[in-house]
Amino acid sequence: MIAIVDYGVGNIRSVERALIHVGADALLTSDGDELEQSDGIVLPGVGAFAPALAKLSENGLGRRMVDIALTGKPILGVCLGYQLMFDESLEHGRHEGLGLFEGRVVEVAGSDRLPVIGWCRTRQTGASALWDGVDDGSYLYYVHSFTPEASSNTIGRSEHSPAAAAAKGNVMGTQFHPEKSGADGLRIYANFLALCS
């Protein structure tokens, strides 16, 4: 069973549909015990960093996510959920994140329009099971005004996201939305599901 963290932020239904499409038994939950009992966790999100982190922390889910990550359970952050996994964000001030990835989240540079919305060519800069069957340079779908800076955990980049994807052991994340990225996005979810088996 793949648990999708339901903390009142973002496009959880489209994530749920994508996971079911690739064969997952998906469960929307805000229950820490159900997260622990799952085979893997997806942390989605759309919105601003500080309010999202506050909602995630309301029931102790943020701390629980960190504890669960330390057990080796596969965890995938998507868009804002991915950003929450970093040490800090500079979105509307400085805010501490979950610290599952080293580094910080900063405003997108080099774009004449924010948020950046649409399909962007994504280069694979590091090996990861998430990329299995996905061509380097594939176009994936983004909606974001902030993005993590590149780090040693970075496995992908795009024009407006130097850390379009990252992986550190069992913890993974994408700035793009796999659930909105067609066949390649579904393949990424299928690859994550395989890691949870």
C-alpha atoms as a PDB file:
ATOM      1  CA  MET A   1       0.000   0.000   0.000  1.00  0.00           C
ATOM      2  CA  ILE A   2       1.263   3.480  -0.930  1.00  0.00           C
ATOM      3  CA  ALA A   3       0.242   6.223   1.485  1.00  0.00           C
ATOM      4  CA  ILE A   4      -0.384   9.701   0.066  1.00  0.00           C
ATOM      5  CA  VAL A   5       0.015  12.282   2.815  1.00  0.00           C
ATOM      6  CA  ASP A   6      -3.217  14.278   3.063  1.00  0.00           C
ATOM      7  CA  TYR A   7      -2.400  17.467   4.951  1.00  0.00           C
ATOM      8  CA  GLY A   8      -4.838  19.814   3.269  1.00  0.00           C
ATOM      9  CA  VAL A   9      -2.482  21.043   0.536  1.00  0.00           C
ATOM     10  CA  GLY A  10      -2.555  20.474  -3.181  1.00  0.00           C
ATOM     11  CA  ASN A  11      -3.484  18.068  -5.881  1.00  0.00           C
ATOM     12  CA  ILE A  12      -3.710  14.813  -3.956  1.00  0.00           C
ATOM     13  CA  ARG A  13      -6.508  13.342  -6.075  1.00  0.00           C
ATOM     14  CA  SER A  14      -4.485  13.489  -9.297  1.00  0.00           C
ATOM     15  CA  VAL A  15      -1.558  11.851  -7.495  1.00  0.00           C
ATOM     16  CA  GLU A  16      -3.919   9.157  -6.217  1.00  0.00           C
ATOM     17  CA  ARG A  17      -5.328   8.507  -9.721  1.00  0.00           C
ATOM     18  CA  ALA A  18      -1.830   8.262 -11.216  1.00  0.00           C
ATOM     19  CA  LEU A  19      -0.684   5.762  -8.583  1.00  0.00           C
ATOM     20  CA  ILE A  20      -3.812   3.638  -9.033  1.00  0.00           C
ATOM     21  CA  HIS A  21      -3.235   3.753 -12.817  1.00  0.00           C
ATOM     22  CA  VAL A  22       0.206   2.156 -12.377  1.00  0.00           C
ATOM     23  CA  GLY A  23      -1.184  -0.568 -10.108  1.00  0.00           C
ATOM     24  CA  ALA A  24      -0.733   0.839  -6.618  1.00  0.00           C
ATOM     25  CA  ASP A  25      -3.096   0.295  -3.734  1.00  0.00           C
ATOM     26  CA  ALA A  26      -3.174   3.998  -2.823  1.00  0.00           C
ATOM     27  CA  LEU A  27      -4.464   5.446   0.436  1.00  0.00           C
ATOM     28  CA  LEU A  28      -5.013   9.129   1.233  1.00  0.00           C
ATOM     29  CA  THR A  29      -4.200   9.569   4.908  1.00  0.00           C
ATOM     30  CA  SER A  30      -3.198  12.014   7.610  1.00  0.00           C
ATOM     31  CA  ASP A  31      -2.704   9.202  10.136  1.00  0.00           C
ATOM     32  CA  GLY A  32       0.891   8.653  11.220  1.00  0.00           C
ATOM     33  CA  ASP A  33       0.271   5.001  12.030  1.00  0.00           C
ATOM     34  CA  GLU A  34      -1.010   4.374   8.494  1.00  0.00           C
ATOM     35  CA  LEU A  35       2.115   6.052   7.118  1.00  0.00           C
ATOM     36  CA  GLU A  36       4.247   3.683   9.176  1.00  0.00           C
ATOM     37  CA  GLN A  37       2.270   0.626   8.001  1.00  0.00           C
ATOM     38  CA  SER A  38       2.546   1.580   4.316  1.00  0.00           C
ATOM     39  CA  ASP A  39       5.086   0.183   1.862  1.00  0.00           C
ATOM     40  CA  GLY A  40       5.947   3.683   0.640  1.00  0.00           C
ATOM     41  CA  ILE A  41       4.877   7.305   1.037  1.00  0.00           C
ATOM     42  CA  VAL A  42       4.183  10.108  -1.431  1.00  0.00           C
ATOM     43  CA  LEU A  43       4.263  13.671  -0.063  1.00  0.00           C
ATOM     44  CA  PRO A  44       2.483  15.915  -2.599  1.00  0.00           C
ATOM     45  CA  GLY A  45       1.870  19.639  -2.359  1.00  0.00           C
ATOM     46  CA  VAL A  46       0.906  22.840  -4.091  1.00  0.00           C
ATOM     47  CA  GLY A  47       1.141  26.281  -2.504  1.00  0.00           C
ATOM     48  CA  ALA A  48       3.547  28.158  -0.243  1.00  0.00           C
ATOM     49  CA  PHE A  49       6.262  26.576   1.889  1.00  0.00           C
ATOM     50  CA  ALA A  50       5.545  28.028   5.370  1.00  0.00           C
ATOM     51  CA  PRO A  51       1.780  27.392   5.532  1.00  0.00           C
ATOM     52  CA  ALA A  52       2.245  23.911   4.060  1.00  0.00           C
ATOM     53  CA  LEU A  53       4.903  23.031   6.618  1.00  0.00           C
ATOM     54  CA  ALA A  54       2.674  24.364   9.396  1.00  0.00           C
ATOM     55  CA  LYS A  55      -0.185  22.134   8.226  1.00  0.00           C
ATOM     56  CA  LEU A  56       2.137  19.143   7.946  1.00  0.00           C
ATOM     57  CA  SER A  57       3.375  19.784  11.487  1.00  0.00           C
ATOM     58  CA  GLU A  58      -0.075  20.256  13.068  1.00  0.00           C
ATOM     59  CA  ASN A  59      -0.523  16.572  13.897  1.00  0.00           C
ATOM     60  CA  GLY A  60       3.169  15.816  14.210  1.00  0.00           C
ATOM     61  CA  LEU A  61       3.265  14.441  10.658  1.00  0.00           C
ATOM     62  CA  GLY A  62       6.430  16.339   9.767  1.00  0.00           C
ATOM     63  CA  ARG A  63       8.425  14.776  12.592  1.00  0.00           C
ATOM     64  CA  ARG A  64       6.841  11.402  11.870  1.00  0.00           C
ATOM     65  CA  MET A  65       7.903  11.622   8.216  1.00  0.00           C
ATOM     66  CA  VAL A  66      11.516  12.212   9.266  1.00  0.00           C
ATOM     67  CA  ASP A  67      11.417   9.269  11.674  1.00  0.00           C
ATOM     68  CA  ILE A  68       9.891   7.009   9.006  1.00  0.00           C
ATOM     69  CA  ALA A  69      12.515   8.078   6.467  1.00  0.00           C
ATOM     70  CA  LEU A  70      15.212   6.895   8.862  1.00  0.00           C
ATOM     71  CA  THR A  71      13.727   3.366   8.770  1.00  0.00           C
ATOM     72  CA  GLY A  72      14.511   3.069   5.037  1.00  0.00           C
ATOM     73  CA  LYS A  73      10.921   3.239   3.768  1.00  0.00           C
ATOM     74  CA  PRO A  74      10.758   4.775   0.251  1.00  0.00           C
ATOM     75  CA  ILE A  75       9.434   8.338   0.307  1.00  0.00           C
ATOM     76  CA  LEU A  76       8.728  10.495  -2.752  1.00  0.00           C
ATOM     77  CA  GLY A  77       8.127  14.234  -2.499  1.00  0.00           C
ATOM     78  CA  VAL A  78       6.373  16.010  -5.377  1.00  0.00           C
ATOM     79  CA  CYS A  79       6.571  19.754  -6.125  1.00  0.00           C
ATOM     80  CA  LEU A  80       5.990  21.576  -2.815  1.00  0.00           C
ATOM     81  CA  GLY A  81       6.171  18.239  -0.997  1.00  0.00           C
ATOM     82  CA  TYR A  82       9.671  17.854  -2.485  1.00  0.00           C
ATOM     83  CA  GLN A  83      10.652  21.356  -1.374  1.00  0.00           C
ATOM     84  CA  LEU A  84       9.507  20.643   2.191  1.00  0.00           C
ATOM     85  CA  MET A  85      12.103  17.858   2.359  1.00  0.00           C
ATOM     86  CA  PHE A  86      15.038  20.309   2.205  1.00  0.00           C
ATOM     87  CA  ASP A  87      16.831  22.029   5.088  1.00  0.00           C
ATOM     88  CA  GLU A  88      15.260  25.405   4.467  1.00  0.00           C
ATOM     89  CA  SER A  89      13.296  27.643   2.128  1.00  0.00           C
ATOM     90  CA  LEU A  90      13.699  31.348   1.443  1.00  0.00           C
ATOM     91  CA  GLU A  91      10.105  31.721   0.230  1.00  0.00           C
ATOM     92  CA  HIS A  92       8.704  34.827   1.999  1.00  0.00           C
ATOM     93  CA  GLY A  93      11.422  34.732   4.661  1.00  0.00           C
ATOM     94  CA  ARG A  94      13.584  31.895   5.967  1.00  0.00           C
ATOM     95  CA  HIS A  95      11.767  28.721   7.028  1.00  0.00           C
ATOM     96  CA  GLU A  96      13.212  25.461   8.291  1.00  0.00           C
ATOM     97  CA  GLY A  97      12.232  22.332   6.376  1.00  0.00           C
ATOM     98  CA  LEU A  98      12.267  18.625   7.203  1.00  0.00           C
ATOM     99  CA  GLY A  99      15.997  18.256   6.506  1.00  0.00           C
ATOM    100  CA  LEU A 100      15.762  15.024   4.516  1.00  0.00           C
ATOM    101  CA  PHE A 101      17.826  16.676   1.757  1.00  0.00           C
ATOM    102  CA  GLU A 102      20.683  19.106   2.343  1.00  0.00           C
ATOM    103  CA  GLY A 103      20.239  22.533   0.813  1.00  0.00           C
ATOM    104  CA  ARG A 104      17.747  25.290   0.420  1.00  0.00           C
ATOM    105  CA  VAL A 105      14.809  26.308  -1.742  1.00  0.00           C
ATOM    106  CA  VAL A 106      15.138  29.643  -3.557  1.00  0.00           C
ATOM    107  CA  GLU A 107      13.167  31.712  -6.052  1.00  0.00           C
ATOM    108  CA  VAL A 108      13.409  30.578  -9.669  1.00  0.00           C
ATOM    109  CA  ALA A 109      16.057  32.568 -11.534  1.00  0.00           C
ATOM    110  CA  GLY A 110      16.147  33.496 -15.210  1.00  0.00           C
ATOM    111  CA  SER A 111      12.430  33.412 -15.965  1.00  0.00           C
ATOM    112  CA  ASP A 112      10.502  36.465 -17.151  1.00  0.00           C
ATOM    113  CA  ARG A 113       7.335  35.035 -15.664  1.00  0.00           C
ATOM    114  CA  LEU A 114       6.508  33.373 -12.335  1.00  0.00           C
ATOM    115  CA  PRO A 115       5.254  30.850 -11.715  1.00  0.00           C
ATOM    116  CA  VAL A 116       6.964  28.803 -14.393  1.00  0.00           C
ATOM    117  CA  ILE A 117       4.128  26.721 -15.854  1.00  0.00           C
ATOM    118  CA  GLY A 118       4.422  24.121 -18.575  1.00  0.00           C
ATOM    119  CA  TRP A 119       6.519  21.412 -20.148  1.00  0.00           C
ATOM    120  CA  CYS A 120      10.287  21.674 -19.685  1.00  0.00           C
ATOM    121  CA  ARG A 121      13.051  19.451 -21.009  1.00  0.00           C
ATOM    122  CA  THR A 122      14.527  17.628 -18.026  1.00  0.00           C
ATOM    123  CA  ARG A 123      18.103  16.363 -18.068  1.00  0.00           C
ATOM    124  CA  GLN A 124      19.114  13.383 -15.966  1.00  0.00           C
ATOM    125  CA  THR A 125      22.270  14.336 -14.059  1.00  0.00           C
ATOM    126  CA  GLY A 126      22.456  11.327 -11.785  1.00  0.00           C
ATOM    127  CA  ALA A 127      21.527   7.667 -11.805  1.00  0.00           C
ATOM    128  CA  SER A 128      18.309   6.647 -10.103  1.00  0.00           C
ATOM    129  CA  ALA A 129      15.723   3.892 -10.381  1.00  0.00           C
ATOM    130  CA  LEU A 130      13.170   6.697 -10.825  1.00  0.00           C
ATOM    131  CA  TRP A 131      14.577   7.274 -14.324  1.00  0.00           C
ATOM    132  CA  ASP A 132      14.244   3.643 -15.491  1.00  0.00           C
ATOM    133  CA  GLY A 133      12.578   3.703 -18.910  1.00  0.00           C
ATOM    134  CA  VAL A 134      12.470   7.530 -19.056  1.00  0.00           C
ATOM    135  CA  ASP A 135      14.588   9.095 -21.801  1.00  0.00           C
ATOM    136  CA  ASP A 136      17.123  11.740 -20.822  1.00  0.00           C
ATOM    137  CA  GLY A 137      15.795  15.100 -21.984  1.00  0.00           C
ATOM    138  CA  SER A 138      12.135  14.142 -21.689  1.00  0.00           C
ATOM    139  CA  TYR A 139       9.632  16.957 -21.327  1.00  0.00           C
ATOM    140  CA  LEU A 140       7.981  16.953 -17.893  1.00  0.00           C
ATOM    141  CA  TYR A 141       5.342  19.278 -16.460  1.00  0.00           C
ATOM    142  CA  TYR A 142       6.205  22.033 -13.953  1.00  0.00           C
ATOM    143  CA  VAL A 143       4.285  24.639 -11.946  1.00  0.00           C
ATOM    144  CA  HIS A 144       6.605  26.519  -9.589  1.00  0.00           C
ATOM    145  CA  SER A 145       8.054  29.852  -8.489  1.00  0.00           C
ATOM    146  CA  PHE A 146      10.646  28.374  -6.122  1.00  0.00           C
ATOM    147  CA  THR A 147      13.054  25.481  -6.566  1.00  0.00           C
ATOM    148  CA  PRO A 148      15.796  23.707  -4.628  1.00  0.00           C
ATOM    149  CA  GLU A 149      19.386  24.598  -5.410  1.00  0.00           C
ATOM    150  CA  ALA A 150      21.558  21.888  -6.922  1.00  0.00           C
ATOM    151  CA  SER A 151      23.382  19.634  -4.457  1.00  0.00           C
ATOM    152  CA  SER A 152      25.163  16.297  -4.296  1.00  0.00           C
ATOM    153  CA  ASN A 153      21.735  14.620  -4.195  1.00  0.00           C
ATOM    154  CA  THR A 154      20.542  16.166  -7.472  1.00  0.00           C
ATOM    155  CA  ILE A 155      19.637  13.647 -10.191  1.00  0.00           C
ATOM    156  CA  GLY A 156      17.898  15.961 -12.681  1.00  0.00           C
ATOM    157  CA  ARG A 157      17.739  19.555 -13.859  1.00  0.00           C
ATOM    158  CA  SER A 158      15.680  21.734 -16.158  1.00  0.00           C
ATOM    159  CA  GLU A 159      16.005  25.287 -17.439  1.00  0.00           C
ATOM    160  CA  HIS A 160      14.357  26.781 -14.346  1.00  0.00           C
ATOM    161  CA  SER A 161      15.092  24.066 -11.808  1.00  0.00           C
ATOM    162  CA  PRO A 162      18.747  23.198 -11.081  1.00  0.00           C
ATOM    163  CA  ALA A 163      17.501  20.392  -8.835  1.00  0.00           C
ATOM    164  CA  ALA A 164      14.483  19.166 -10.802  1.00  0.00           C
ATOM    165  CA  ALA A 165      14.849  15.819  -9.021  1.00  0.00           C
ATOM    166  CA  ALA A 166      16.896  14.459  -6.147  1.00  0.00           C
ATOM    167  CA  ALA A 167      17.529  11.116  -4.493  1.00  0.00           C
ATOM    168  CA  LYS A 168      19.287  10.155  -1.294  1.00  0.00           C
ATOM    169  CA  GLY A 169      18.881   6.476  -0.550  1.00  0.00           C
ATOM    170  CA  ASN A 170      15.206   5.811   0.120  1.00  0.00           C
ATOM    171  CA  VAL A 171      14.260   9.524  -0.058  1.00  0.00           C
ATOM    172  CA  MET A 172      13.421  10.940  -3.499  1.00  0.00           C
ATOM    173  CA  GLY A 173      11.686  13.964  -4.933  1.00  0.00           C
ATOM    174  CA  THR A 174      10.709  15.814  -8.086  1.00  0.00           C
ATOM    175  CA  GLN A 175      10.042  19.496  -8.682  1.00  0.00           C
ATOM    176  CA  PHE A 176       7.915  18.532 -11.673  1.00  0.00           C
ATOM    177  CA  HIS A 177       4.525  16.833 -11.396  1.00  0.00           C
ATOM    178  CA  PRO A 178       4.765  13.182 -12.558  1.00  0.00           C
ATOM    179  CA  GLU A 179       0.961  12.914 -12.379  1.00  0.00           C
ATOM    180  CA  LYS A 180       0.682  15.652 -15.033  1.00  0.00           C
ATOM    181  CA  SER A 181       3.639  14.494 -17.163  1.00  0.00           C
ATOM    182  CA  GLY A 182       2.007  11.896 -19.390  1.00  0.00           C
ATOM    183  CA  ALA A 183       3.546   8.474 -19.975  1.00  0.00           C
ATOM    184  CA  ASP A 184       6.961   9.477 -18.601  1.00  0.00           C
ATOM    185  CA  GLY A 185       5.417  10.718 -15.373  1.00  0.00           C
ATOM    186  CA  LEU A 186       3.415   7.540 -14.967  1.00  0.00           C
ATOM    187  CA  ARG A 187       6.600   5.556 -15.540  1.00  0.00           C
ATOM    188  CA  ILE A 188       8.256   7.484 -12.701  1.00  0.00           C
ATOM    189  CA  TYR A 189       5.377   6.551 -10.382  1.00  0.00           C
ATOM    190  CA  ALA A 190       5.616   2.944 -11.560  1.00  0.00           C
ATOM    191  CA  ASN A 191       9.342   2.992 -10.817  1.00  0.00           C
ATOM    192  CA  PHE A 192       8.653   4.345  -7.327  1.00  0.00           C
ATOM    193  CA  LEU A 193       6.033   1.651  -6.795  1.00  0.00           C
ATOM    194  CA  ALA A 194       8.596  -1.005  -7.760  1.00  0.00           C
ATOM    195  CA  LEU A 195      10.958   0.367  -5.121  1.00  0.00           C
ATOM    196  CA  CYS A 196       8.237  -0.112  -2.510  1.00  0.00           C
ATOM    197  CA  SER A 197       7.728  -3.807  -3.277  1.00  0.00           C
END
